[in-house]
Amino acid sequence: MTTTISLLIVNGLLLVAWMLGVLHRQRLLGTAQVELKGLNEKITQSEAELNQTQMFLEDSRLRMALADDQRARHAKLVAGMQAELARLSSQNFEIIHQLGEPAKGKTPYAAELFETGMGDRPMPKVLQGLTHMAIVHAEDDAAARRQIEIAFPPRSLFRPNTITRMVSADDTGA
């Protein structure tokens, strides 16, 4: 009988130890579940941030593609304009700066202009090397020279080389 009682006591102690082990494992499992829930929330938040970053990156790529497309169109436009300017330059193209308005009693004068390399800003490359002329409508030679001096002062991009009176239809007797 003592053996039975001792077996019962040992079984009771084993049962208590087993129950304590089960309770301990349940507590550990609860803690692990809380940690797992926290990790799942962090993963969800990280996925949302990743999606947001990917959307921003895609928007940036689209903007960059649009900007590249615009740059290509502008480059094509500039190349076309430069080709047209070169074509016109090869056809003895001149740029004429008109000073004053034609009126009765005013005579047209022509002045060939040369580049000085001075001025507030440099000459655009597309305009360099082209012939520049000034047409002045004035009452006499002195007025024409004054208008040209005002329009093209000593420190401007252009200076007049020669000023000559243009022949009109009235002068030829036609």
N, C-alpha and C. Protein backbone atom coordinates (compact mmCIF):
# COMPACT_ATOMS: atom_id res chain seq x y z
N MET A 1 0.79 -1.16 0.00
CA MET A 1 0.00 0.00 0.00
C MET A 1 0.86 1.26 0.00
N THR A 2 1.93 1.22 0.70
CA THR A 2 2.83 2.36 0.65
C THR A 2 3.36 2.55 -0.77
N THR A 3 3.49 1.48 -1.45
CA THR A 3 3.95 1.61 -2.81
C THR A 3 2.88 2.31 -3.64
N THR A 4 1.66 1.99 -3.43
CA THR A 4 0.59 2.60 -4.18
C THR A 4 0.51 4.08 -3.86
N ILE A 5 0.64 4.41 -2.59
CA ILE A 5 0.58 5.81 -2.18
C ILE A 5 1.77 6.56 -2.75
N SER A 6 2.94 5.92 -2.70
CA SER A 6 4.10 6.60 -3.25
C SER A 6 3.96 6.76 -4.76
N LEU A 7 3.36 5.74 -5.43
CA LEU A 7 3.13 5.88 -6.86
C LEU A 7 2.13 7.00 -7.14
N LEU A 8 1.12 7.08 -6.33
CA LEU A 8 0.13 8.16 -6.48
C LEU A 8 0.78 9.52 -6.26
N ILE A 9 1.64 9.61 -5.28
CA ILE A 9 2.31 10.88 -4.99
C ILE A 9 3.24 11.23 -6.16
N VAL A 10 3.98 10.22 -6.65
CA VAL A 10 4.89 10.46 -7.76
C VAL A 10 4.08 10.87 -9.00
N ASN A 11 2.95 10.16 -9.25
CA ASN A 11 2.09 10.52 -10.38
C ASN A 11 1.52 11.92 -10.21
N GLY A 12 1.14 12.27 -8.99
CA GLY A 12 0.63 13.62 -8.73
C GLY A 12 1.69 14.67 -8.98
N LEU A 13 2.92 14.37 -8.51
CA LEU A 13 4.01 15.31 -8.74
C LEU A 13 4.32 15.43 -10.24
N LEU A 14 4.30 14.29 -10.94
CA LEU A 14 4.53 14.33 -12.39
C LEU A 14 3.42 15.12 -13.10
N LEU A 15 2.18 14.92 -12.64
CA LEU A 15 1.06 15.65 -13.22
C LEU A 15 1.20 17.14 -12.99
N VAL A 16 1.61 17.53 -11.78
CA VAL A 16 1.82 18.95 -11.47
C VAL A 16 2.96 19.50 -12.33
N ALA A 17 4.05 18.74 -12.47
CA ALA A 17 5.18 19.19 -13.28
C ALA A 17 4.76 19.33 -14.74
N TRP A 18 3.96 18.32 -15.21
CA TRP A 18 3.47 18.38 -16.59
C TRP A 18 2.59 19.60 -16.80
N MET A 19 1.70 19.91 -15.84
CA MET A 19 0.80 21.06 -15.92
C MET A 19 1.60 22.36 -15.92
N LEU A 20 2.63 22.40 -15.05
CA LEU A 20 3.47 23.60 -15.02
C LEU A 20 4.20 23.77 -16.36
N GLY A 21 4.65 22.65 -16.94
CA GLY A 21 5.32 22.71 -18.25
C GLY A 21 4.36 23.19 -19.34
N VAL A 22 3.11 22.68 -19.30
CA VAL A 22 2.11 23.10 -20.29
C VAL A 22 1.81 24.58 -20.12
N LEU A 23 1.65 25.05 -18.89
CA LEU A 23 1.38 26.47 -18.64
C LEU A 23 2.55 27.34 -19.11
N HIS A 24 3.76 26.85 -18.85
CA HIS A 24 4.95 27.61 -19.28
C HIS A 24 5.00 27.69 -20.81
N ARG A 25 4.71 26.56 -21.48
CA ARG A 25 4.72 26.55 -22.95
C ARG A 25 3.62 27.45 -23.51
N GLN A 26 2.45 27.48 -22.86
CA GLN A 26 1.37 28.35 -23.31
C GLN A 26 1.77 29.82 -23.18
N ARG A 27 2.44 30.15 -22.08
CA ARG A 27 2.91 31.51 -21.89
C ARG A 27 3.94 31.87 -22.96
N LEU A 28 4.88 30.95 -23.23
CA LEU A 28 5.87 31.18 -24.28
C LEU A 28 5.20 31.30 -25.65
N LEU A 29 4.19 30.46 -25.90
CA LEU A 29 3.46 30.52 -27.15
C LEU A 29 2.72 31.84 -27.28
N GLY A 30 2.12 32.34 -26.21
CA GLY A 30 1.44 33.65 -26.23
C GLY A 30 2.42 34.77 -26.52
N THR A 31 3.59 34.73 -25.89
CA THR A 31 4.61 35.73 -26.13
C THR A 31 5.08 35.66 -27.58
N ALA A 32 5.28 34.46 -28.08
CA ALA A 32 5.71 34.29 -29.47
C ALA A 32 4.64 34.80 -30.43
N GLN A 33 3.36 34.55 -30.08
CA GLN A 33 2.27 35.03 -30.94
C GLN A 33 2.22 36.55 -30.96
N VAL A 34 2.45 37.19 -29.81
CA VAL A 34 2.48 38.65 -29.75
C VAL A 34 3.65 39.18 -30.59
N GLU A 35 4.81 38.53 -30.45
CA GLU A 35 5.97 38.95 -31.24
C GLU A 35 5.71 38.73 -32.74
N LEU A 36 5.07 37.61 -33.07
CA LEU A 36 4.75 37.32 -34.47
C LEU A 36 3.77 38.34 -35.02
N LYS A 37 2.80 38.74 -34.21
CA LYS A 37 1.84 39.76 -34.63
C LYS A 37 2.56 41.09 -34.88
N GLY A 38 3.49 41.44 -33.98
CA GLY A 38 4.28 42.67 -34.15
C GLY A 38 5.11 42.62 -35.42
N LEU A 39 5.74 41.45 -35.68
CA LEU A 39 6.53 41.29 -36.91
C LEU A 39 5.64 41.38 -38.15
N ASN A 40 4.44 40.79 -38.09
CA ASN A 40 3.51 40.88 -39.22
C ASN A 40 3.12 42.33 -39.49
N GLU A 41 2.90 43.10 -38.43
CA GLU A 41 2.57 44.53 -38.61
C GLU A 41 3.74 45.27 -39.24
N LYS A 42 4.97 44.95 -38.78
CA LYS A 42 6.15 45.59 -39.37
C LYS A 42 6.31 45.19 -40.84
N ILE A 43 6.05 43.93 -41.16
CA ILE A 43 6.13 43.47 -42.55
C ILE A 43 5.11 44.20 -43.40
N THR A 44 3.88 44.32 -42.89
CA THR A 44 2.82 45.02 -43.62
C THR A 44 3.21 46.48 -43.86
N GLN A 45 3.74 47.12 -42.81
CA GLN A 45 4.17 48.51 -42.93
C GLN A 45 5.32 48.63 -43.94
N SER A 46 6.27 47.71 -43.87
CA SER A 46 7.40 47.73 -44.81
C SER A 46 6.93 47.51 -46.24
N GLU A 47 5.97 46.60 -46.43
CA GLU A 47 5.43 46.37 -47.78
C GLU A 47 4.73 47.62 -48.30
N ALA A 48 3.99 48.31 -47.43
CA ALA A 48 3.32 49.55 -47.84
C ALA A 48 4.35 50.60 -48.23
N GLU A 49 5.41 50.74 -47.43
CA GLU A 49 6.46 51.70 -47.75
C GLU A 49 7.17 51.32 -49.05
N LEU A 50 7.39 50.02 -49.26
CA LEU A 50 8.02 49.55 -50.49
C LEU A 50 7.13 49.86 -51.70
N ASN A 51 5.83 49.61 -51.57
CA ASN A 51 4.91 49.93 -52.67
C ASN A 51 4.91 51.42 -52.97
N GLN A 52 4.92 52.23 -51.90
CA GLN A 52 4.95 53.68 -52.08
C GLN A 52 6.24 54.10 -52.79
N THR A 53 7.36 53.53 -52.38
CA THR A 53 8.64 53.84 -53.00
C THR A 53 8.66 53.41 -54.47
N GLN A 54 8.10 52.22 -54.74
CA GLN A 54 8.05 51.75 -56.12
C GLN A 54 7.18 52.67 -56.98
N MET A 55 6.05 53.14 -56.44
CA MET A 55 5.20 54.06 -57.18
C MET A 55 5.94 55.37 -57.45
N PHE A 56 6.64 55.88 -56.43
CA PHE A 56 7.42 57.11 -56.61
C PHE A 56 8.51 56.91 -57.66
N LEU A 57 9.18 55.75 -57.59
CA LEU A 57 10.23 55.45 -58.56
C LEU A 57 9.65 55.36 -59.97
N GLU A 58 8.50 54.74 -60.11
CA GLU A 58 7.86 54.64 -61.42
C GLU A 58 7.47 56.03 -61.93
N ASP A 59 6.93 56.88 -61.03
CA ASP A 59 6.61 58.26 -61.41
C ASP A 59 7.87 58.99 -61.85
N SER A 60 8.96 58.80 -61.11
CA SER A 60 10.23 59.45 -61.46
C SER A 60 10.71 58.97 -62.82
N ARG A 61 10.59 57.67 -63.06
CA ARG A 61 11.01 57.13 -64.35
C ARG A 61 10.17 57.71 -65.48
N LEU A 62 8.86 57.84 -65.24
CA LEU A 62 7.99 58.42 -66.26
C LEU A 62 8.37 59.87 -66.53
N ARG A 63 8.61 60.64 -65.43
CA ARG A 63 9.02 62.04 -65.60
C ARG A 63 10.34 62.12 -66.35
N MET A 64 11.28 61.23 -66.02
CA MET A 64 12.57 61.24 -66.71
C MET A 64 12.39 60.89 -68.18
N ALA A 65 11.51 59.93 -68.47
CA ALA A 65 11.27 59.55 -69.86
C ALA A 65 10.64 60.72 -70.62
N LEU A 66 9.69 61.42 -69.98
CA LEU A 66 9.08 62.58 -70.62
C LEU A 66 10.12 63.68 -70.85
N ALA A 67 10.97 63.90 -69.85
CA ALA A 67 12.01 64.93 -69.98
C ALA A 67 12.99 64.55 -71.10
N ASP A 68 13.35 63.27 -71.17
CA ASP A 68 14.25 62.83 -72.25
C ASP A 68 13.58 63.02 -73.61
N ASP A 69 12.29 62.71 -73.68
CA ASP A 69 11.55 62.89 -74.93
C ASP A 69 11.52 64.37 -75.33
N GLN A 70 11.27 65.24 -74.34
CA GLN A 70 11.26 66.68 -74.63
C GLN A 70 12.64 67.15 -75.07
N ARG A 71 13.69 66.67 -74.40
CA ARG A 71 15.05 67.04 -74.80
C ARG A 71 15.34 66.59 -76.23
N ALA A 72 14.90 65.39 -76.56
CA ALA A 72 15.13 64.89 -77.92
C ALA A 72 14.38 65.73 -78.94
N ARG A 73 13.12 66.11 -78.62
CA ARG A 73 12.36 66.95 -79.54
C ARG A 73 13.01 68.31 -79.70
N HIS A 74 13.48 68.90 -78.57
CA HIS A 74 14.14 70.20 -78.65
C HIS A 74 15.44 70.10 -79.45
N ALA A 75 16.19 69.03 -79.22
CA ALA A 75 17.45 68.86 -79.96
C ALA A 75 17.16 68.72 -81.46
N LYS A 76 16.10 67.98 -81.78
CA LYS A 76 15.72 67.83 -83.19
C LYS A 76 15.30 69.17 -83.78
N LEU A 77 14.54 69.95 -83.01
CA LEU A 77 14.10 71.26 -83.47
C LEU A 77 15.30 72.19 -83.68
N VAL A 78 16.22 72.20 -82.71
CA VAL A 78 17.42 73.04 -82.82
C VAL A 78 18.26 72.60 -84.02
N ALA A 79 18.40 71.28 -84.20
CA ALA A 79 19.17 70.79 -85.35
C ALA A 79 18.52 71.23 -86.66
N GLY A 80 17.20 71.17 -86.71
CA GLY A 80 16.50 71.62 -87.91
C GLY A 80 16.70 73.10 -88.15
N MET A 81 16.63 73.89 -87.07
CA MET A 81 16.83 75.34 -87.21
C MET A 81 18.26 75.64 -87.64
N GLN A 82 19.23 74.92 -87.08
CA GLN A 82 20.62 75.14 -87.46
C GLN A 82 20.85 74.75 -88.92
N ALA A 83 20.21 73.67 -89.36
CA ALA A 83 20.34 73.27 -90.76
C ALA A 83 19.72 74.33 -91.67
N GLU A 84 18.57 74.86 -91.27
CA GLU A 84 17.92 75.91 -92.06
C GLU A 84 18.79 77.16 -92.10
N LEU A 85 19.39 77.51 -90.96
CA LEU A 85 20.27 78.67 -90.91
C LEU A 85 21.50 78.46 -91.79
N ALA A 86 22.05 77.25 -91.74
CA ALA A 86 23.21 76.95 -92.60
C ALA A 86 22.82 77.04 -94.07
N ARG A 87 21.63 76.53 -94.40
CA ARG A 87 21.16 76.60 -95.78
C ARG A 87 21.00 78.05 -96.21
N LEU A 88 20.39 78.86 -95.34
CA LEU A 88 20.21 80.27 -95.67
C LEU A 88 21.54 81.00 -95.73
N SER A 89 22.47 80.64 -94.84
CA SER A 89 23.79 81.28 -94.85
C SER A 89 24.52 80.98 -96.14
N SER A 90 24.33 79.77 -96.64
CA SER A 90 25.01 79.42 -97.89
C SER A 90 24.40 80.14 -99.08
N GLN A 91 23.23 80.72 -98.91
CA GLN A 91 22.58 81.46 -99.99
C GLN A 91 22.81 82.96 -99.83
N ASN A 92 23.95 83.35 -99.26
CA ASN A 92 24.29 84.76 -99.06
C ASN A 92 23.23 85.45 -98.20
N PHE A 93 22.93 84.84 -97.10
CA PHE A 93 21.92 85.34 -96.17
C PHE A 93 22.46 86.53 -95.39
N GLU A 94 21.66 87.57 -95.25
CA GLU A 94 22.06 88.76 -94.49
C GLU A 94 21.01 89.04 -93.42
N ILE A 95 21.48 89.55 -92.31
CA ILE A 95 20.57 90.01 -91.27
C ILE A 95 20.54 91.52 -91.36
N ILE A 96 19.35 92.07 -91.54
CA ILE A 96 19.21 93.52 -91.71
C ILE A 96 18.57 94.11 -90.46
N HIS A 97 19.23 95.11 -89.90
CA HIS A 97 18.73 95.85 -88.75
C HIS A 97 18.16 97.16 -89.29
N GLN A 98 16.85 97.33 -89.17
CA GLN A 98 16.23 98.54 -89.72
C GLN A 98 16.09 99.58 -88.62
N LEU A 99 16.56 100.80 -88.91
CA LEU A 99 16.47 101.92 -87.98
C LEU A 99 15.60 102.99 -88.61
N GLY A 100 14.60 103.42 -87.91
CA GLY A 100 13.70 104.44 -88.44
C GLY A 100 12.71 103.83 -89.42
N GLU A 101 11.73 104.62 -89.78
CA GLU A 101 10.69 104.17 -90.70
C GLU A 101 10.80 104.93 -92.01
N PRO A 102 10.53 104.27 -93.14
CA PRO A 102 10.54 104.99 -94.41
C PRO A 102 9.42 106.04 -94.41
N ALA A 103 9.74 107.21 -94.84
CA ALA A 103 8.74 108.29 -94.91
C ALA A 103 9.14 109.25 -96.02
N LYS A 104 8.20 110.08 -96.40
CA LYS A 104 8.48 111.08 -97.42
C LYS A 104 9.51 112.06 -96.87
N GLY A 105 10.50 112.36 -97.65
CA GLY A 105 11.55 113.28 -97.22
C GLY A 105 12.70 112.58 -96.54
N LYS A 106 12.61 111.27 -96.30
CA LYS A 106 13.71 110.52 -95.69
C LYS A 106 14.36 109.65 -96.75
N THR A 107 15.67 109.58 -96.66
CA THR A 107 16.45 108.82 -97.62
C THR A 107 16.98 107.56 -96.93
N PRO A 108 16.97 106.42 -97.61
CA PRO A 108 17.55 105.22 -97.00
C PRO A 108 19.07 105.21 -97.13
N TYR A 109 19.72 104.83 -96.04
CA TYR A 109 21.18 104.69 -96.01
C TYR A 109 21.49 103.27 -95.57
N ALA A 110 22.52 102.69 -96.11
CA ALA A 110 22.94 101.33 -95.75
C ALA A 110 24.28 101.41 -95.04
N ALA A 111 24.40 100.61 -93.99
CA ALA A 111 25.67 100.55 -93.26
C ALA A 111 26.02 99.08 -93.07
N GLU A 112 27.23 98.73 -93.48
CA GLU A 112 27.71 97.37 -93.23
C GLU A 112 28.21 97.34 -91.79
N LEU A 113 27.81 96.33 -91.04
CA LEU A 113 28.19 96.22 -89.63
C LEU A 113 29.22 95.11 -89.47
N PHE A 114 30.17 95.33 -88.58
CA PHE A 114 31.13 94.27 -88.27
C PHE A 114 31.02 93.94 -86.79
N GLU A 115 31.34 92.68 -86.47
CA GLU A 115 31.25 92.21 -85.08
C GLU A 115 32.44 92.74 -84.29
N THR A 116 32.15 93.24 -83.08
CA THR A 116 33.22 93.79 -82.25
C THR A 116 33.71 92.80 -81.20
N GLY A 117 32.86 91.84 -80.83
CA GLY A 117 33.24 90.92 -79.75
C GLY A 117 33.00 91.53 -78.39
N MET A 118 32.49 92.75 -78.34
CA MET A 118 32.19 93.41 -77.07
C MET A 118 30.69 93.30 -76.83
N GLY A 119 30.23 94.00 -75.84
CA GLY A 119 28.80 94.03 -75.56
C GLY A 119 28.48 93.39 -74.23
N ASP A 120 27.20 93.48 -73.86
CA ASP A 120 26.76 92.94 -72.57
C ASP A 120 26.78 91.42 -72.55
N ARG A 121 26.52 90.80 -73.68
CA ARG A 121 26.48 89.35 -73.74
C ARG A 121 27.14 88.91 -75.05
N PRO A 122 27.60 87.66 -75.09
CA PRO A 122 28.27 87.20 -76.32
C PRO A 122 27.26 86.99 -77.45
N MET A 123 27.76 87.05 -78.64
CA MET A 123 26.94 86.82 -79.83
C MET A 123 26.54 85.35 -79.87
N PRO A 124 25.26 85.04 -80.09
CA PRO A 124 24.87 83.63 -80.23
C PRO A 124 25.63 83.00 -81.41
N LYS A 125 26.05 81.76 -81.24
CA LYS A 125 26.87 81.11 -82.26
C LYS A 125 26.18 81.04 -83.61
N VAL A 126 24.84 80.90 -83.60
CA VAL A 126 24.13 80.78 -84.87
C VAL A 126 24.16 82.08 -85.66
N LEU A 127 24.42 83.22 -84.99
CA LEU A 127 24.47 84.51 -85.68
C LEU A 127 25.88 84.93 -86.03
N GLN A 128 26.87 84.21 -85.52
CA GLN A 128 28.26 84.57 -85.81
C GLN A 128 28.61 84.23 -87.25
N GLY A 129 29.35 85.11 -87.87
CA GLY A 129 29.81 84.87 -89.23
C GLY A 129 28.83 85.28 -90.31
N LEU A 130 27.63 85.69 -89.94
CA LEU A 130 26.66 86.15 -90.94
C LEU A 130 26.89 87.62 -91.23
N THR A 131 26.47 88.05 -92.40
CA THR A 131 26.58 89.46 -92.77
C THR A 131 25.46 90.23 -92.08
N HIS A 132 25.82 91.29 -91.40
CA HIS A 132 24.83 92.15 -90.74
C HIS A 132 24.87 93.52 -91.41
N MET A 133 23.70 94.00 -91.76
CA MET A 133 23.56 95.31 -92.41
C MET A 133 22.56 96.13 -91.60
N ALA A 134 22.74 97.44 -91.63
CA ALA A 134 21.77 98.35 -91.01
C ALA A 134 21.20 99.21 -92.12
N ILE A 135 19.89 99.35 -92.14
CA ILE A 135 19.21 100.25 -93.08
C ILE A 135 18.65 101.38 -92.23
N VAL A 136 19.04 102.61 -92.54
CA VAL A 136 18.63 103.79 -91.78
C VAL A 136 17.82 104.70 -92.70
N HIS A 137 16.69 105.16 -92.21
CA HIS A 137 15.88 106.14 -92.96
C HIS A 137 16.05 107.48 -92.25
N ALA A 138 16.73 108.40 -92.91
CA ALA A 138 17.04 109.69 -92.29
C ALA A 138 16.95 110.80 -93.33
N GLU A 139 16.93 112.05 -92.81
CA GLU A 139 16.83 113.22 -93.69
C GLU A 139 18.13 113.48 -94.45
N ASP A 140 19.29 113.22 -93.80
CA ASP A 140 20.57 113.48 -94.44
C ASP A 140 21.64 112.55 -93.87
N ASP A 141 22.88 112.68 -94.37
CA ASP A 141 23.99 111.84 -93.93
C ASP A 141 24.24 111.96 -92.43
N ALA A 142 24.23 113.18 -91.91
CA ALA A 142 24.53 113.41 -90.49
C ALA A 142 23.48 112.73 -89.60
N ALA A 143 22.20 112.85 -89.96
CA ALA A 143 21.14 112.22 -89.18
C ALA A 143 21.28 110.70 -89.23
N ALA A 144 21.66 110.17 -90.38
CA ALA A 144 21.85 108.72 -90.51
C ALA A 144 22.99 108.26 -89.61
N ARG A 145 24.10 109.01 -89.60
CA ARG A 145 25.24 108.66 -88.74
C ARG A 145 24.86 108.71 -87.26
N ARG A 146 24.08 109.74 -86.87
CA ARG A 146 23.64 109.85 -85.46
C ARG A 146 22.78 108.64 -85.07
N GLN A 147 21.84 108.28 -85.93
CA GLN A 147 20.97 107.14 -85.61
C GLN A 147 21.77 105.84 -85.48
N ILE A 148 22.74 105.67 -86.35
CA ILE A 148 23.57 104.46 -86.28
C ILE A 148 24.44 104.48 -85.03
N GLU A 149 25.00 105.64 -84.68
CA GLU A 149 25.83 105.74 -83.47
C GLU A 149 25.00 105.47 -82.21
N ILE A 150 23.74 105.91 -82.21
CA ILE A 150 22.86 105.65 -81.07
C ILE A 150 22.53 104.16 -81.00
N ALA A 151 22.20 103.56 -82.15
CA ALA A 151 21.82 102.14 -82.17
C ALA A 151 23.00 101.22 -81.91
N PHE A 152 24.19 101.60 -82.37
CA PHE A 152 25.37 100.76 -82.22
C PHE A 152 26.49 101.57 -81.59
N PRO A 153 26.45 101.78 -80.26
CA PRO A 153 27.49 102.56 -79.59
C PRO A 153 28.84 101.82 -79.63
N PRO A 154 29.91 102.50 -79.24
CA PRO A 154 31.26 101.91 -79.35
C PRO A 154 31.42 100.56 -78.66
N ARG A 155 30.71 100.27 -77.56
CA ARG A 155 30.90 99.00 -76.86
C ARG A 155 29.72 98.05 -77.11
N SER A 156 29.18 98.05 -78.31
CA SER A 156 28.09 97.14 -78.65
C SER A 156 28.63 95.95 -79.43
N LEU A 157 27.76 94.99 -79.74
CA LEU A 157 28.18 93.81 -80.49
C LEU A 157 28.60 94.15 -81.92
N PHE A 158 28.02 95.23 -82.47
CA PHE A 158 28.30 95.63 -83.85
C PHE A 158 28.72 97.09 -83.91
N ARG A 159 29.52 97.40 -84.92
CA ARG A 159 29.89 98.79 -85.23
C ARG A 159 29.75 98.96 -86.74
N PRO A 160 29.35 100.16 -87.15
CA PRO A 160 29.22 100.39 -88.59
C PRO A 160 30.60 100.52 -89.24
N ASN A 161 30.71 99.95 -90.42
CA ASN A 161 31.96 100.04 -91.17
C ASN A 161 31.88 101.20 -92.15
N THR A 162 30.93 101.16 -93.03
CA THR A 162 30.73 102.25 -93.99
C THR A 162 29.25 102.57 -94.05
N ILE A 163 28.94 103.84 -94.27
CA ILE A 163 27.55 104.27 -94.41
C ILE A 163 27.43 104.88 -95.80
N THR A 164 26.53 104.33 -96.59
CA THR A 164 26.33 104.85 -97.95
C THR A 164 24.86 105.09 -98.21
N ARG A 165 24.62 106.10 -99.02
CA ARG A 165 23.25 106.44 -99.40
C ARG A 165 22.79 105.39 -100.41
N MET A 166 21.59 104.85 -100.21
CA MET A 166 21.05 103.86 -101.13
C MET A 166 20.41 104.58 -102.30
N VAL A 167 20.53 104.02 -103.45
CA VAL A 167 19.94 104.60 -104.65
C VAL A 167 18.48 104.19 -104.70
N SER A 168 17.60 105.17 -104.83
CA SER A 168 16.17 104.86 -104.91
C SER A 168 15.71 105.00 -106.35
N ALA A 169 14.48 104.61 -106.62
CA ALA A 169 13.91 104.69 -107.97
C ALA A 169 13.83 106.14 -108.42
N ASP A 170 13.61 107.09 -107.49
CA ASP A 170 13.53 108.51 -107.83
C ASP A 170 14.87 109.03 -108.35
N ASP A 171 15.98 108.50 -107.80
CA ASP A 171 17.31 108.97 -108.19
C ASP A 171 17.70 108.52 -109.59
N THR A 172 17.16 107.40 -110.03
CA THR A 172 17.55 106.86 -111.34
C THR A 172 16.73 107.46 -112.47
N GLY A 173 15.69 108.19 -112.12
CA GLY A 173 14.86 108.83 -113.13
C GLY A 173 13.81 107.89 -113.69
N ALA A 174 13.58 106.81 -113.06
CA ALA A 174 12.59 105.85 -113.56
C ALA A 174 11.19 106.23 -113.17
